[in-house]
N, C-alpha and C. Protein backbone atom coordinates (compact mmCIF):
# COMPACT_ATOMS: atom_id res chain seq x y z
N MET A 1 -128.17 -148.59 81.81
CA MET A 1 -127.70 -148.20 80.63
C MET A 1 -128.19 -147.49 79.67
N SER A 2 -128.83 -147.94 79.12
CA SER A 2 -130.39 -148.09 77.97
C SER A 2 -130.93 -146.52 78.18
N GLY A 3 -130.81 -146.31 79.60
CA GLY A 3 -131.53 -144.88 79.75
C GLY A 3 -130.58 -143.56 79.43
N THR A 4 -129.40 -143.78 79.54
CA THR A 4 -128.05 -142.89 79.44
C THR A 4 -127.92 -142.41 78.05
N GLU A 5 -127.93 -144.07 77.73
CA GLU A 5 -127.73 -143.74 76.24
C GLU A 5 -128.89 -143.31 75.32
N LYS A 6 -130.07 -143.54 75.82
CA LYS A 6 -131.30 -143.00 75.00
C LYS A 6 -131.48 -141.42 75.38
N GLY A 7 -130.79 -140.99 76.96
CA GLY A 7 -130.78 -139.67 76.88
C GLY A 7 -129.55 -138.68 76.24
N LYS A 8 -128.71 -139.38 76.02
CA LYS A 8 -127.87 -139.08 74.98
C LYS A 8 -128.28 -138.53 73.25
N ALA A 9 -128.89 -139.71 73.22
CA ALA A 9 -129.54 -139.62 71.85
C ALA A 9 -130.67 -138.75 71.44
N ARG A 10 -131.40 -138.27 72.67
CA ARG A 10 -132.20 -137.29 73.03
C ARG A 10 -131.50 -135.61 72.68
N ALA A 11 -130.70 -136.13 73.56
CA ALA A 11 -129.97 -134.61 73.48
C ALA A 11 -128.85 -134.16 72.25
N GLU A 12 -128.56 -135.10 71.29
CA GLU A 12 -128.00 -135.05 70.29
C GLU A 12 -129.39 -134.69 69.00
N GLN A 13 -130.23 -135.15 69.40
CA GLN A 13 -131.53 -134.77 68.34
C GLN A 13 -131.47 -133.03 68.22
N ALA A 14 -131.78 -133.00 69.61
CA ALA A 14 -132.14 -131.60 69.87
C ALA A 14 -131.14 -130.68 70.08
N LYS A 15 -129.86 -131.11 69.95
CA LYS A 15 -128.75 -130.35 69.73
C LYS A 15 -128.67 -130.17 67.97
N GLY A 16 -129.15 -131.09 66.83
CA GLY A 16 -129.25 -131.03 65.73
C GLY A 16 -130.45 -130.13 65.54
N LYS A 17 -131.28 -130.53 66.40
CA LYS A 17 -132.20 -129.50 65.75
C LYS A 17 -132.07 -127.82 65.84
N ALA A 18 -131.17 -127.65 67.35
CA ALA A 18 -131.20 -126.29 67.28
C ALA A 18 -130.47 -125.69 65.95
N LYS A 19 -129.28 -126.35 65.98
CA LYS A 19 -128.03 -126.11 64.91
C LYS A 19 -128.67 -126.00 63.81
N GLU A 20 -129.69 -127.37 62.96
CA GLU A 20 -130.94 -126.39 61.85
C GLU A 20 -131.12 -125.57 61.78
N ALA A 21 -131.97 -125.33 62.73
CA ALA A 21 -132.56 -123.74 62.66
C ALA A 21 -131.98 -122.23 62.50
N VAL A 22 -130.91 -122.13 63.72
CA VAL A 22 -130.04 -121.26 63.69
C VAL A 22 -129.45 -121.43 61.95
N GLY A 23 -128.89 -122.64 61.30
CA GLY A 23 -128.20 -122.29 60.01
C GLY A 23 -129.86 -121.82 59.14
N ARG A 24 -130.65 -122.14 59.33
CA ARG A 24 -131.95 -121.76 58.48
C ARG A 24 -131.82 -120.17 59.07
N VAL A 25 -132.10 -119.69 60.32
CA VAL A 25 -132.17 -118.17 60.21
C VAL A 25 -131.01 -117.29 59.38
N VAL A 26 -129.58 -117.45 60.10
CA VAL A 26 -128.64 -116.80 59.57
C VAL A 26 -128.37 -117.45 57.97
N GLY A 27 -128.97 -118.22 57.62
CA GLY A 27 -128.74 -118.07 55.89
C GLY A 27 -127.41 -119.29 55.72
N ASN A 28 -127.33 -119.71 56.76
CA ASN A 28 -125.46 -120.87 57.09
C ASN A 28 -126.07 -122.33 56.22
N GLU A 29 -126.08 -122.04 55.13
CA GLU A 29 -126.54 -124.02 54.37
C GLU A 29 -125.56 -124.85 54.83
N ARG A 30 -123.89 -124.59 55.82
CA ARG A 30 -123.84 -125.93 56.12
C ARG A 30 -123.92 -125.95 57.15
N MET A 31 -124.48 -125.16 58.21
CA MET A 31 -124.44 -125.49 59.69
C MET A 31 -125.88 -126.13 59.82
N THR A 32 -126.54 -125.96 58.77
CA THR A 32 -128.34 -126.53 58.36
C THR A 32 -127.69 -127.64 58.11
N ALA A 33 -126.92 -128.47 57.43
CA ALA A 33 -126.81 -130.00 56.85
C ALA A 33 -126.00 -130.52 57.98
N GLU A 34 -125.58 -129.59 59.20
CA GLU A 34 -124.60 -130.63 60.25
C GLU A 34 -125.99 -130.78 61.60
N GLY A 35 -126.61 -129.99 61.13
CA GLY A 35 -128.04 -130.01 61.92
C GLY A 35 -128.95 -131.20 62.05
N GLN A 36 -128.95 -131.06 60.79
CA GLN A 36 -129.67 -132.48 59.90
C GLN A 36 -128.59 -133.62 60.40
N ALA A 37 -127.50 -133.56 59.94
CA ALA A 37 -126.79 -134.95 59.98
C ALA A 37 -126.32 -135.31 61.91
N ASP A 38 -126.71 -134.53 62.66
CA ASP A 38 -126.31 -134.66 64.07
C ASP A 38 -127.82 -135.00 64.56
N GLN A 39 -129.17 -134.82 64.22
CA GLN A 39 -130.34 -135.22 64.18
C GLN A 39 -130.67 -136.90 63.68
N ALA A 40 -130.15 -136.96 62.27
CA ALA A 40 -129.88 -138.69 62.02
C ALA A 40 -128.75 -139.12 62.82
N LYS A 41 -128.06 -138.83 63.20
CA LYS A 41 -127.17 -139.80 64.41
C LYS A 41 -127.67 -139.68 65.56
N GLY A 42 -128.92 -138.93 66.20
CA GLY A 42 -129.60 -139.12 67.27
C GLY A 42 -130.37 -140.45 67.19
N ASN A 43 -131.45 -139.83 65.71
CA ASN A 43 -132.31 -141.04 65.55
C ASN A 43 -131.92 -142.33 65.68
N ALA A 44 -130.53 -142.70 65.03
CA ALA A 44 -130.08 -143.93 64.50
C ALA A 44 -129.65 -144.63 66.43
N ARG A 45 -129.19 -143.84 67.04
CA ARG A 45 -128.65 -144.12 67.96
C ARG A 45 -129.82 -144.09 68.79
N HIS A 46 -130.82 -143.84 68.93
CA HIS A 46 -132.10 -144.33 69.70
C HIS A 46 -132.89 -145.18 69.45
N ALA A 47 -132.69 -145.83 67.90
CA ALA A 47 -133.23 -146.69 67.15
C ALA A 47 -132.33 -148.02 68.01
N LYS A 48 -130.99 -147.67 67.37
CA LYS A 48 -130.13 -148.66 68.09
C LYS A 48 -130.81 -149.58 69.66
N GLU A 49 -130.65 -148.66 70.68
CA GLU A 49 -131.01 -148.96 71.88
C GLU A 49 -132.61 -149.43 71.70
N ASP A 50 -133.58 -148.81 70.88
CA ASP A 50 -135.03 -149.69 71.36
C ASP A 50 -134.48 -151.05 70.39
N VAL A 51 -133.86 -151.55 69.68
CA VAL A 51 -133.67 -152.73 69.37
C VAL A 51 -132.94 -153.78 70.50
N LYS A 52 -132.00 -152.76 71.42
CA LYS A 52 -131.33 -153.31 72.34
C LYS A 52 -132.79 -154.10 73.46
N ASP A 53 -133.26 -152.64 73.99
CA ASP A 53 -134.02 -153.21 74.58
C ASP A 53 -135.04 -153.86 74.20
N THR A 54 -135.54 -154.23 73.17
CA THR A 54 -136.42 -155.86 72.18
C THR A 54 -136.22 -156.76 73.35
N PHE A 55 -134.53 -156.50 72.63
CA PHE A 55 -134.08 -158.08 72.54
C PHE A 55 -133.73 -158.63 74.67
N ARG A 56 -133.47 -157.53 75.39
CA ARG A 56 -133.63 -157.52 76.44
C ARG A 56 -134.75 -158.44 77.36
N HIS A 57 -135.98 -157.51 76.87
CA HIS A 57 -137.34 -157.89 77.46
C HIS A 57 -137.83 -159.14 76.83
């Protein structure tokens, strides 16, 4: 279960990084901010799963 959640977290981080890059290229500050927010959500999800793994083992 944790592996799929970590996969979702990585996908969210990648989506955010891509959205941020596109936002910077086209000069869209809102898209850049959304990309950074997506990355932060992915980082938080990944950290949560790391904590859960720590307590499982």
